[in-house]
Amino acid sequence: MKVEIQSLHFNADASLVEFINKKMEKLDRFYDKIIGSDVVLSLEQLNTQVKDKVVIIKTQIPGNILIAKETSKKFEEAVDLAVESIKKQMEKFKAKQPN
């Protein structure tokens, strides 16, 4: 699966990119027909202070696009929540598919 990571208005460090790639690779276990995913990292700001970290994951599968948006104090936590949301969406999608 191809994973595109984009960080808006800041540079994501290598450890965060590696963490995201590891988490996204695990999605292949739940659904093996994933075309690709886009991960967008951004900072939610209140005036000049950073309030929260925002992660949006868009995952393309045949016939559908799954989207999850999560916010948290840490990017890692937001990524975990978003990946979990995508995983649940995949399970629902698979359940609706004819065998």
PDB file of N, CA and C in Angstrom:
ATOM      1  N   MET A   1       0.842  -1.180   0.000  1.00  0.00           N
ATOM      2  CA  MET A   1       0.000   0.000   0.000  1.00  0.00           C
ATOM      3  C   MET A   1       0.884   1.239   0.000  1.00  0.00           C
ATOM      4  N   LYS A   2       0.474   2.207  -0.793  1.00  0.00           N
ATOM      5  CA  LYS A   2       1.212   3.466  -0.882  1.00  0.00           C
ATOM      6  C   LYS A   2       0.642   4.450   0.141  1.00  0.00           C
ATOM      7  N   VAL A   3       1.518   5.031   0.965  1.00  0.00           N
ATOM      8  CA  VAL A   3       1.090   5.989   1.976  1.00  0.00           C
ATOM      9  C   VAL A   3       1.773   7.325   1.711  1.00  0.00           C
ATOM     10  N   GLU A   4       0.960   8.361   1.508  1.00  0.00           N
ATOM     11  CA  GLU A   4       1.469   9.724   1.322  1.00  0.00           C
ATOM     12  C   GLU A   4       1.264  10.480   2.632  1.00  0.00           C
ATOM     13  N   ILE A   5       2.328  11.053   3.172  1.00  0.00           N
ATOM     14  CA  ILE A   5       2.229  11.812   4.417  1.00  0.00           C
ATOM     15  C   ILE A   5       2.530  13.271   4.112  1.00  0.00           C
ATOM     16  N   GLN A   6       1.619  14.137   4.539  1.00  0.00           N
ATOM     17  CA  GLN A   6       1.762  15.570   4.296  1.00  0.00           C
ATOM     18  C   GLN A   6       1.608  16.286   5.631  1.00  0.00           C
ATOM     19  N   SER A   7       2.565  17.148   5.951  1.00  0.00           N
ATOM     20  CA  SER A   7       2.460  17.947   7.177  1.00  0.00           C
ATOM     21  C   SER A   7       2.307  19.412   6.778  1.00  0.00           C
ATOM     22  N   LEU A   8       1.259  20.039   7.292  1.00  0.00           N
ATOM     23  CA  LEU A   8       0.943  21.411   6.930  1.00  0.00           C
ATOM     24  C   LEU A   8       1.572  22.395   7.910  1.00  0.00           C
ATOM     25  N   HIS A   9       2.352  23.322   7.396  1.00  0.00           N
ATOM     26  CA  HIS A   9       2.955  24.423   8.171  1.00  0.00           C
ATOM     27  C   HIS A   9       3.982  23.975   9.213  1.00  0.00           C
ATOM     28  N   PHE A  10       4.515  22.773   9.071  1.00  0.00           N
ATOM     29  CA  PHE A  10       5.616  22.319   9.919  1.00  0.00           C
ATOM     30  C   PHE A  10       6.246  21.109   9.245  1.00  0.00           C
ATOM     31  N   ASN A  11       7.421  20.716   9.721  1.00  0.00           N
ATOM     32  CA  ASN A  11       8.098  19.542   9.183  1.00  0.00           C
ATOM     33  C   ASN A  11       7.992  18.398  10.184  1.00  0.00           C
ATOM     34  N   ALA A  12       7.416  17.291   9.742  1.00  0.00           N
ATOM     35  CA  ALA A  12       7.304  16.115  10.604  1.00  0.00           C
ATOM     36  C   ALA A  12       8.668  15.452  10.710  1.00  0.00           C
ATOM     37  N   ASP A  13       9.056  15.072  11.921  1.00  0.00           N
ATOM     38  CA  ASP A  13      10.359  14.420  12.095  1.00  0.00           C
ATOM     39  C   ASP A  13      10.290  12.961  11.638  1.00  0.00           C
ATOM     40  N   ALA A  14      11.444  12.380  11.435  1.00  0.00           N
ATOM     41  CA  ALA A  14      11.545  11.028  10.874  1.00  0.00           C
ATOM     42  C   ALA A  14      10.860   9.987  11.757  1.00  0.00           C
ATOM     43  N   SER A  15      10.941  10.143  13.071  1.00  0.00           N
ATOM     44  CA  SER A  15      10.334   9.150  13.963  1.00  0.00           C
ATOM     45  C   SER A  15       8.806   9.163  13.838  1.00  0.00           C
ATOM     46  N   LEU A  16       8.212  10.338  13.641  1.00  0.00           N
ATOM     47  CA  LEU A  16       6.758  10.424  13.462  1.00  0.00           C
ATOM     48  C   LEU A  16       6.345   9.787  12.140  1.00  0.00           C
ATOM     49  N   VAL A  17       7.100  10.055  11.088  1.00  0.00           N
ATOM     50  CA  VAL A  17       6.806   9.459   9.771  1.00  0.00           C
ATOM     51  C   VAL A  17       6.917   7.939   9.846  1.00  0.00           C
ATOM     52  N   GLU A  18       7.933   7.443  10.525  1.00  0.00           N
ATOM     53  CA  GLU A  18       8.120   5.995  10.680  1.00  0.00           C
ATOM     54  C   GLU A  18       6.960   5.387  11.474  1.00  0.00           C
ATOM     55  N   PHE A  19       6.546   6.068  12.545  1.00  0.00           N
ATOM     56  CA  PHE A  19       5.429   5.615  13.368  1.00  0.00           C
ATOM     57  C   PHE A  19       4.154   5.498  12.528  1.00  0.00           C
ATOM     58  N   ILE A  20       3.880   6.515  11.720  1.00  0.00           N
ATOM     59  CA  ILE A  20       2.686   6.520  10.870  1.00  0.00           C
ATOM     60  C   ILE A  20       2.740   5.376   9.857  1.00  0.00           C
ATOM     61  N   ASN A  21       3.900   5.184   9.232  1.00  0.00           N
ATOM     62  CA  ASN A  21       4.035   4.104   8.246  1.00  0.00           C
ATOM     63  C   ASN A  21       3.789   2.734   8.875  1.00  0.00           C
ATOM     64  N   LYS A  22       4.320   2.512  10.084  1.00  0.00           N
ATOM     65  CA  LYS A  22       4.107   1.228  10.769  1.00  0.00           C
ATOM     66  C   LYS A  22       2.633   1.002  11.056  1.00  0.00           C
ATOM     67  N   LYS A  23       1.952   2.037  11.536  1.00  0.00           N
ATOM     68  CA  LYS A  23       0.529   1.918  11.847  1.00  0.00           C
ATOM     69  C   LYS A  23      -0.290   1.654  10.579  1.00  0.00           C
ATOM     70  N   MET A  24       0.045   2.336   9.515  1.00  0.00           N
ATOM     71  CA  MET A  24      -0.711   2.182   8.273  1.00  0.00           C
ATOM     72  C   MET A  24      -0.500   0.799   7.650  1.00  0.00           C
ATOM     73  N   GLU A  25       0.705   0.243   7.787  1.00  0.00           N
ATOM     74  CA  GLU A  25       0.984  -1.094   7.258  1.00  0.00           C
ATOM     75  C   GLU A  25       0.093  -2.145   7.912  1.00  0.00           C
ATOM     76  N   LYS A  26      -0.249  -1.938   9.180  1.00  0.00           N
ATOM     77  CA  LYS A  26      -1.077  -2.903   9.898  1.00  0.00           C
ATOM     78  C   LYS A  26      -2.489  -2.988   9.331  1.00  0.00           C
ATOM     79  N   LEU A  27      -2.927  -1.941   8.615  1.00  0.00           N
ATOM     80  CA  LEU A  27      -4.268  -1.971   8.026  1.00  0.00           C
ATOM     81  C   LEU A  27      -4.397  -3.047   6.952  1.00  0.00           C
ATOM     82  N   ASP A  28      -3.274  -3.427   6.338  1.00  0.00           N
ATOM     83  CA  ASP A  28      -3.307  -4.474   5.305  1.00  0.00           C
ATOM     84  C   ASP A  28      -3.832  -5.800   5.857  1.00  0.00           C
ATOM     85  N   ARG A  29      -3.676  -6.025   7.150  1.00  0.00           N
ATOM     86  CA  ARG A  29      -4.168  -7.268   7.757  1.00  0.00           C
ATOM     87  C   ARG A  29      -5.693  -7.338   7.741  1.00  0.00           C
ATOM     88  N   PHE A  30      -6.339  -6.178   7.795  1.00  0.00           N
ATOM     89  CA  PHE A  30      -7.792  -6.147   7.886  1.00  0.00           C
ATOM     90  C   PHE A  30      -8.469  -6.141   6.526  1.00  0.00           C
ATOM     91  N   TYR A  31      -7.786  -5.564   5.545  1.00  0.00           N
ATOM     92  CA  TYR A  31      -8.348  -5.511   4.194  1.00  0.00           C
ATOM     93  C   TYR A  31      -7.189  -5.466   3.216  1.00  0.00           C
ATOM     94  N   ASP A  32      -7.079  -6.490   2.377  1.00  0.00           N
ATOM     95  CA  ASP A  32      -5.900  -6.623   1.523  1.00  0.00           C
ATOM     96  C   ASP A  32      -6.006  -5.904   0.174  1.00  0.00           C
ATOM     97  N   LYS A  33      -7.119  -5.204  -0.078  1.00  0.00           N
ATOM     98  CA  LYS A  33      -7.280  -4.537  -1.364  1.00  0.00           C
ATOM     99  C   LYS A  33      -7.120  -3.021  -1.265  1.00  0.00           C
ATOM    100  N   ILE A  34      -6.394  -2.545  -0.283  1.00  0.00           N
ATOM    101  CA  ILE A  34      -6.206  -1.106  -0.109  1.00  0.00           C
ATOM    102  C   ILE A  34      -5.364  -0.565  -1.264  1.00  0.00           C
ATOM    103  N   ILE A  35      -5.868   0.495  -1.888  1.00  0.00           N
ATOM    104  CA  ILE A  35      -5.156   1.107  -3.017  1.00  0.00           C
ATOM    105  C   ILE A  35      -4.067   2.040  -2.501  1.00  0.00           C
ATOM    106  N   GLY A  36      -4.413   2.895  -1.546  1.00  0.00           N
ATOM    107  CA  GLY A  36      -3.437   3.836  -1.002  1.00  0.00           C
ATOM    108  C   GLY A  36      -4.072   4.683   0.084  1.00  0.00           C
ATOM    109  N   SER A  37      -3.232   5.410   0.794  1.00  0.00           N
ATOM    110  CA  SER A  37      -3.721   6.271   1.865  1.00  0.00           C
ATOM    111  C   SER A  37      -2.989   7.604   1.851  1.00  0.00           C
ATOM    112  N   ASP A  38      -3.725   8.650   2.205  1.00  0.00           N
ATOM    113  CA  ASP A  38      -3.151   9.974   2.399  1.00  0.00           C
ATOM    114  C   ASP A  38      -3.311  10.330   3.864  1.00  0.00           C
ATOM    115  N   VAL A  39      -2.215  10.752   4.487  1.00  0.00           N
ATOM    116  CA  VAL A  39      -2.239  11.176   5.882  1.00  0.00           C
ATOM    117  C   VAL A  39      -1.849  12.651   5.919  1.00  0.00           C
ATOM    118  N   VAL A  40      -2.730  13.472   6.489  1.00  0.00           N
ATOM    119  CA  VAL A  40      -2.466  14.909   6.596  1.00  0.00           C
ATOM    120  C   VAL A  40      -2.331  15.262   8.069  1.00  0.00           C
ATOM    121  N   LEU A  41      -1.202  15.867   8.412  1.00  0.00           N
ATOM    122  CA  LEU A  41      -0.932  16.293   9.781  1.00  0.00           C
ATOM    123  C   LEU A  41      -1.000  17.810   9.827  1.00  0.00           C
ATOM    124  N   SER A  42      -1.713  18.341  10.818  1.00  0.00           N
ATOM    125  CA  SER A  42      -1.776  19.794  10.948  1.00  0.00           C
ATOM    126  C   SER A  42      -1.881  20.178  12.417  1.00  0.00           C
ATOM    127  N   LEU A  43      -1.695  21.457  12.664  1.00  0.00           N
ATOM    128  CA  LEU A  43      -1.765  21.991  14.020  1.00  0.00           C
ATOM    129  C   LEU A  43      -2.994  22.871  14.128  1.00  0.00           C
ATOM    130  N   GLU A  44      -3.796  22.608  15.150  1.00  0.00           N
ATOM    131  CA  GLU A  44      -4.963  23.446  15.413  1.00  0.00           C
ATOM    132  C   GLU A  44      -4.510  24.550  16.360  1.00  0.00           C
ATOM    133  N   GLN A  45      -4.609  25.785  15.906  1.00  0.00           N
ATOM    134  CA  GLN A  45      -4.070  26.889  16.696  1.00  0.00           C
ATOM    135  C   GLN A  45      -5.176  27.787  17.221  1.00  0.00           C
ATOM    136  N   LEU A  46      -4.943  28.306  18.430  1.00  0.00           N
ATOM    137  CA  LEU A  46      -5.810  29.304  19.028  1.00  0.00           C
ATOM    138  C   LEU A  46      -4.941  30.542  19.209  1.00  0.00           C
ATOM    139  N   ASN A  47      -5.196  31.553  18.395  1.00  0.00           N
ATOM    140  CA  ASN A  47      -4.326  32.734  18.321  1.00  0.00           C
ATOM    141  C   ASN A  47      -2.932  32.280  17.910  1.00  0.00           C
ATOM    142  N   THR A  48      -1.933  32.400  18.778  1.00  0.00           N
ATOM    143  CA  THR A  48      -0.578  31.976  18.414  1.00  0.00           C
ATOM    144  C   THR A  48      -0.175  30.677  19.092  1.00  0.00           C
ATOM    145  N   GLN A  49      -1.001  30.158  19.987  1.00  0.00           N
ATOM    146  CA  GLN A  49      -0.661  28.927  20.699  1.00  0.00           C
ATOM    147  C   GLN A  49      -1.221  27.712  19.977  1.00  0.00           C
ATOM    148  N   VAL A  50      -0.437  26.633  19.975  1.00  0.00           N
ATOM    149  CA  VAL A  50      -0.894  25.382  19.383  1.00  0.00           C
ATOM    150  C   VAL A  50      -1.821  24.718  20.394  1.00  0.00           C
ATOM    151  N   LYS A  51      -3.048  24.474  19.949  1.00  0.00           N
ATOM    152  CA  LYS A  51      -4.044  23.890  20.840  1.00  0.00           C
ATOM    153  C   LYS A  51      -4.018  22.362  20.764  1.00  0.00           C
ATOM    154  N   ASP A  52      -4.160  21.834  19.562  1.00  0.00           N
ATOM    155  CA  ASP A  52      -4.202  20.384  19.372  1.00  0.00           C
ATOM    156  C   ASP A  52      -3.500  19.993  18.078  1.00  0.00           C
ATOM    157  N   LYS A  53      -3.220  18.702  17.978  1.00  0.00           N
ATOM    158  CA  LYS A  53      -2.663  18.127  16.761  1.00  0.00           C
ATOM    159  C   LYS A  53      -3.814  17.433  16.030  1.00  0.00           C
ATOM    160  N   VAL A  54      -3.891  17.619  14.723  1.00  0.00           N
ATOM    161  CA  VAL A  54      -4.981  17.064  13.920  1.00  0.00           C
ATOM    162  C   VAL A  54      -4.409  16.097  12.889  1.00  0.00           C
ATOM    163  N   VAL A  55      -5.027  14.923  12.789  1.00  0.00           N
ATOM    164  CA  VAL A  55      -4.626  13.911  11.815  1.00  0.00           C
ATOM    165  C   VAL A  55      -5.851  13.539  10.993  1.00  0.00           C
ATOM    166  N   ILE A  56      -5.713  13.617   9.672  1.00  0.00           N
ATOM    167  CA  ILE A  56      -6.776  13.185   8.762  1.00  0.00           C
ATOM    168  C   ILE A  56      -6.203  12.073   7.891  1.00  0.00           C
ATOM    169  N   ILE A  57      -6.876  10.936   7.880  1.00  0.00           N
ATOM    170  CA  ILE A  57      -6.452   9.806   7.050  1.00  0.00           C
ATOM    171  C   ILE A  57      -7.547   9.528   6.032  1.00  0.00           C
ATOM    172  N   LYS A  58      -7.156   9.507   4.762  1.00  0.00           N
ATOM    173  CA  LYS A  58      -8.064   9.123   3.674  1.00  0.00           C
ATOM    174  C   LYS A  58      -7.496   7.859   3.052  1.00  0.00           C
ATOM    175  N   THR A  59      -8.258   6.788   3.123  1.00  0.00           N
ATOM    176  CA  THR A  59      -7.812   5.505   2.598  1.00  0.00           C
ATOM    177  C   THR A  59      -8.705   5.089   1.443  1.00  0.00           C
ATOM    178  N   GLN A  60      -8.076   4.805   0.301  1.00  0.00           N
ATOM    179  CA  GLN A  60      -8.815   4.388  -0.885  1.00  0.00           C
ATOM    180  C   GLN A  60      -8.873   2.874  -0.960  1.00  0.00           C
ATOM    181  N   ILE A  61     -10.092   2.372  -1.099  1.00  0.00           N
ATOM    182  CA  ILE A  61     -10.299   0.952  -1.353  1.00  0.00           C
ATOM    183  C   ILE A  61     -11.202   0.871  -2.582  1.00  0.00           C
ATOM    184  N   PRO A  62     -11.241  -0.257  -3.275  1.00  0.00           N
ATOM    185  CA  PRO A  62     -12.060  -0.339  -4.487  1.00  0.00           C
ATOM    186  C   PRO A  62     -13.521   0.048  -4.206  1.00  0.00           C
ATOM    187  N   GLY A  63     -13.982   1.100  -4.877  1.00  0.00           N
ATOM    188  CA  GLY A  63     -15.368   1.516  -4.747  1.00  0.00           C
ATOM    189  C   GLY A  63     -15.680   2.430  -3.584  1.00  0.00           C
ATOM    190  N   ASN A  64     -14.683   2.847  -2.809  1.00  0.00           N
ATOM    191  CA  ASN A  64     -14.968   3.672  -1.648  1.00  0.00           C
ATOM    192  C   ASN A  64     -13.717   4.411  -1.170  1.00  0.00           C
ATOM    193  N   ILE A  65     -13.943   5.498  -0.445  1.00  0.00           N
ATOM    194  CA  ILE A  65     -12.865   6.212   0.236  1.00  0.00           C
ATOM    195  C   ILE A  65     -13.265   6.331   1.699  1.00  0.00           C
ATOM    196  N   LEU A  66     -12.419   5.841   2.577  1.00  0.00           N
ATOM    197  CA  LEU A  66     -12.673   5.907   4.012  1.00  0.00           C
ATOM    198  C   LEU A  66     -11.914   7.095   4.587  1.00  0.00           C
ATOM    199  N   ILE A  67     -12.578   7.881   5.428  1.00  0.00           N
ATOM    200  CA  ILE A  67     -11.963   9.080   5.982  1.00  0.00           C
ATOM    201  C   ILE A  67     -12.096   9.081   7.495  1.00  0.00           C
ATOM    202  N   ALA A  68     -11.000   9.415   8.167  1.00  0.00           N
ATOM    203  CA  ALA A  68     -11.017   9.552   9.623  1.00  0.00           C
ATOM    204  C   ALA A  68     -10.267  10.823   9.995  1.00  0.00           C
ATOM    205  N   LYS A  69     -10.857  11.606  10.896  1.00  0.00           N
ATOM    206  CA  LYS A  69     -10.211  12.826  11.384  1.00  0.00           C
ATOM    207  C   LYS A  69     -10.210  12.769  12.899  1.00  0.00           C
ATOM    208  N   GLU A  70      -9.042  12.900  13.488  1.00  0.00           N
ATOM    209  CA  GLU A  70      -8.912  12.846  14.940  1.00  0.00           C
ATOM    210  C   GLU A  70      -8.014  13.965  15.430  1.00  0.00           C
ATOM    211  N   THR A  71      -8.299  14.465  16.631  1.00  0.00           N
ATOM    212  CA  THR A  71      -7.456  15.479  17.257  1.00  0.00           C
ATOM    213  C   THR A  71      -7.016  14.980  18.624  1.00  0.00           C
ATOM    214  N   SER A  72      -5.827  15.389  19.022  1.00  0.00           N
ATOM    215  CA  SER A  72      -5.288  15.000  20.312  1.00  0.00           C
ATOM    216  C   SER A  72      -4.147  15.940  20.673  1.00  0.00           C
ATOM    217  N   LYS A  73      -3.622  15.779  21.878  1.00  0.00           N
ATOM    218  CA  LYS A  73      -2.479  16.587  22.309  1.00  0.00           C
ATOM    219  C   LYS A  73      -1.183  16.124  21.652  1.00  0.00           C
ATOM    220  N   LYS A  74      -1.146  14.844  21.235  1.00  0.00           N
ATOM    221  CA  LYS A  74       0.041  14.285  20.586  1.00  0.00           C
ATOM    222  C   LYS A  74      -0.341  13.670  19.249  1.00  0.00           C
ATOM    223  N   PHE A  75       0.545  13.793  18.270  1.00  0.00           N
ATOM    224  CA  PHE A  75       0.279  13.213  16.952  1.00  0.00           C
ATOM    225  C   PHE A  75       0.127  11.699  17.028  1.00  0.00           C
ATOM    226  N   GLU A  76       0.965  11.051  17.830  1.00  0.00           N
ATOM    227  CA  GLU A  76       0.920   9.592  17.917  1.00  0.00           C
ATOM    228  C   GLU A  76      -0.451   9.111  18.383  1.00  0.00           C
ATOM    229  N   GLU A  77      -1.006   9.797  19.372  1.00  0.00           N
ATOM    230  CA  GLU A  77      -2.316   9.420  19.901  1.00  0.00           C
ATOM    231  C   GLU A  77      -3.401   9.651  18.845  1.00  0.00           C
ATOM    232  N   ALA A  78      -3.329  10.762  18.143  1.00  0.00           N
ATOM    233  CA  ALA A  78      -4.308  11.060  17.091  1.00  0.00           C
ATOM    234  C   ALA A  78      -4.210  10.047  15.951  1.00  0.00           C
ATOM    235  N   VAL A  79      -2.990   9.637  15.598  1.00  0.00           N
ATOM    236  CA  VAL A  79      -2.804   8.623  14.551  1.00  0.00           C
ATOM    237  C   VAL A  79      -3.427   7.302  14.996  1.00  0.00           C
ATOM    238  N   ASP A  80      -3.190   6.904  16.248  1.00  0.00           N
ATOM    239  CA  ASP A  80      -3.779   5.662  16.772  1.00  0.00           C
ATOM    240  C   ASP A  80      -5.299   5.692  16.659  1.00  0.00           C
ATOM    241  N   LEU A  81      -5.906   6.799  17.066  1.00  0.00           N
ATOM    242  CA  LEU A  81      -7.365   6.931  17.015  1.00  0.00           C
ATOM    243  C   LEU A  81      -7.887   6.889  15.579  1.00  0.00           C
ATOM    244  N   ALA A  82      -7.202   7.575  14.679  1.00  0.00           N
ATOM    245  CA  ALA A  82      -7.633   7.622  13.275  1.00  0.00           C
ATOM    246  C   ALA A  82      -7.494   6.254  12.604  1.00  0.00           C
ATOM    247  N   VAL A  83      -6.397   5.553  12.875  1.00  0.00           N
ATOM    248  CA  VAL A  83      -6.197   4.212  12.302  1.00  0.00           C
ATOM    249  C   VAL A  83      -7.275   3.262  12.828  1.00  0.00           C
ATOM    250  N   GLU A  84      -7.598   3.377  14.104  1.00  0.00           N
ATOM    251  CA  GLU A  84      -8.651   2.543  14.695  1.00  0.00           C
ATOM    252  C   GLU A  84      -9.996   2.822  14.019  1.00  0.00           C
ATOM    253  N   SER A  85     -10.269   4.078  13.737  1.00  0.00           N
ATOM    254  CA  SER A  85     -11.503   4.455  13.055  1.00  0.00           C
ATOM    255  C   SER A  85     -11.552   3.880  11.640  1.00  0.00           C
ATOM    256  N   ILE A  86     -10.448   3.966  10.915  1.00  0.00           N
ATOM    257  CA  ILE A  86     -10.378   3.396   9.559  1.00  0.00           C
ATOM    258  C   ILE A  86     -10.586   1.878   9.613  1.00  0.00           C
ATOM    259  N   LYS A  87      -9.991   1.242  10.611  1.00  0.00           N
ATOM    260  CA  LYS A  87     -10.117  -0.208  10.764  1.00  0.00           C
ATOM    261  C   LYS A  87     -11.596  -0.597  10.961  1.00  0.00           C
ATOM    262  N   LYS A  88     -12.315   0.149  11.794  1.00  0.00           N
ATOM    263  CA  LYS A  88     -13.741  -0.128  12.021  1.00  0.00           C
ATOM    264  C   LYS A  88     -14.542   0.079  10.738  1.00  0.00           C
ATOM    265  N   GLN A  89     -14.204   1.133   9.991  1.00  0.00           N
ATOM    266  CA  GLN A  89     -14.899   1.383   8.727  1.00  0.00           C
ATOM    267  C   GLN A  89     -14.653   0.256   7.735  1.00  0.00           C
ATOM    268  N   MET A  90     -13.422  -0.273   7.712  1.00  0.00           N
ATOM    269  CA  MET A  90     -13.094  -1.387   6.820  1.00  0.00           C
ATOM    270  C   MET A  90     -13.889  -2.631   7.194  1.00  0.00           C
ATOM    271  N   GLU A  91     -14.008  -2.888   8.498  1.00  0.00           N
ATOM    272  CA  GLU A  91     -14.754  -4.064   8.942  1.00  0.00           C
ATOM    273  C   GLU A  91     -16.219  -3.960   8.525  1.00  0.00           C
ATOM    274  N   LYS A  92     -16.816  -2.758   8.654  1.00  0.00           N
ATOM    275  CA  LYS A  92     -18.199  -2.553   8.227  1.00  0.00           C
ATOM    276  C   LYS A  92     -18.326  -2.741   6.710  1.00  0.00           C
ATOM    277  N   PHE A  93     -17.362  -2.190   5.959  1.00  0.00           N
ATOM    278  CA  PHE A  93     -17.381  -2.303   4.509  1.00  0.00           C
ATOM    279  C   PHE A  93     -17.289  -3.771   4.083  1.00  0.00           C
ATOM    280  N   LYS A  94     -16.382  -4.521   4.709  1.00  0.00           N
ATOM    281  CA  LYS A  94     -16.204  -5.937   4.384  1.00  0.00           C
ATOM    282  C   LYS A  94     -17.460  -6.729   4.698  1.00  0.00           C
ATOM    283  N   ALA A  95     -18.136  -6.388   5.799  1.00  0.00           N
ATOM    284  CA  ALA A  95     -19.348  -7.108   6.187  1.00  0.00           C
ATOM    285  C   ALA A  95     -20.468  -6.920   5.167  1.00  0.00           C
ATOM    286  N   LYS A  96     -20.481  -5.794   4.474  1.00  0.00           N
ATOM    287  CA  LYS A  96     -21.521  -5.514   3.484  1.00  0.00           C
ATOM    288  C   LYS A  96     -21.225  -6.170   2.137  1.00  0.00           C
ATOM    289  N   GLN A  97     -19.983  -6.590   1.923  1.00  0.00           N
ATOM    290  CA  GLN A  97     -19.602  -7.167   0.637  1.00  0.00           C
ATOM    291  C   GLN A  97     -20.115  -8.583   0.496  1.00  0.00           C
ATOM    292  N   PRO A  98     -20.609  -8.933  -0.703  1.00  0.00           N
ATOM    293  CA  PRO A  98     -21.026 -10.338  -0.936  1.00  0.00           C
ATOM    294  C   PRO A  98     -19.793 -11.229  -1.013  1.00  0.00           C
ATOM    295  N   ASN A  99     -19.931 -12.434  -0.532  1.00  0.00           N
ATOM    296  CA  ASN A  99     -18.773 -13.349  -0.516  1.00  0.00           C
ATOM    297  C   ASN A  99     -18.540 -13.988  -1.828  1.00  0.00           C
TER     298      ASN A  99
END
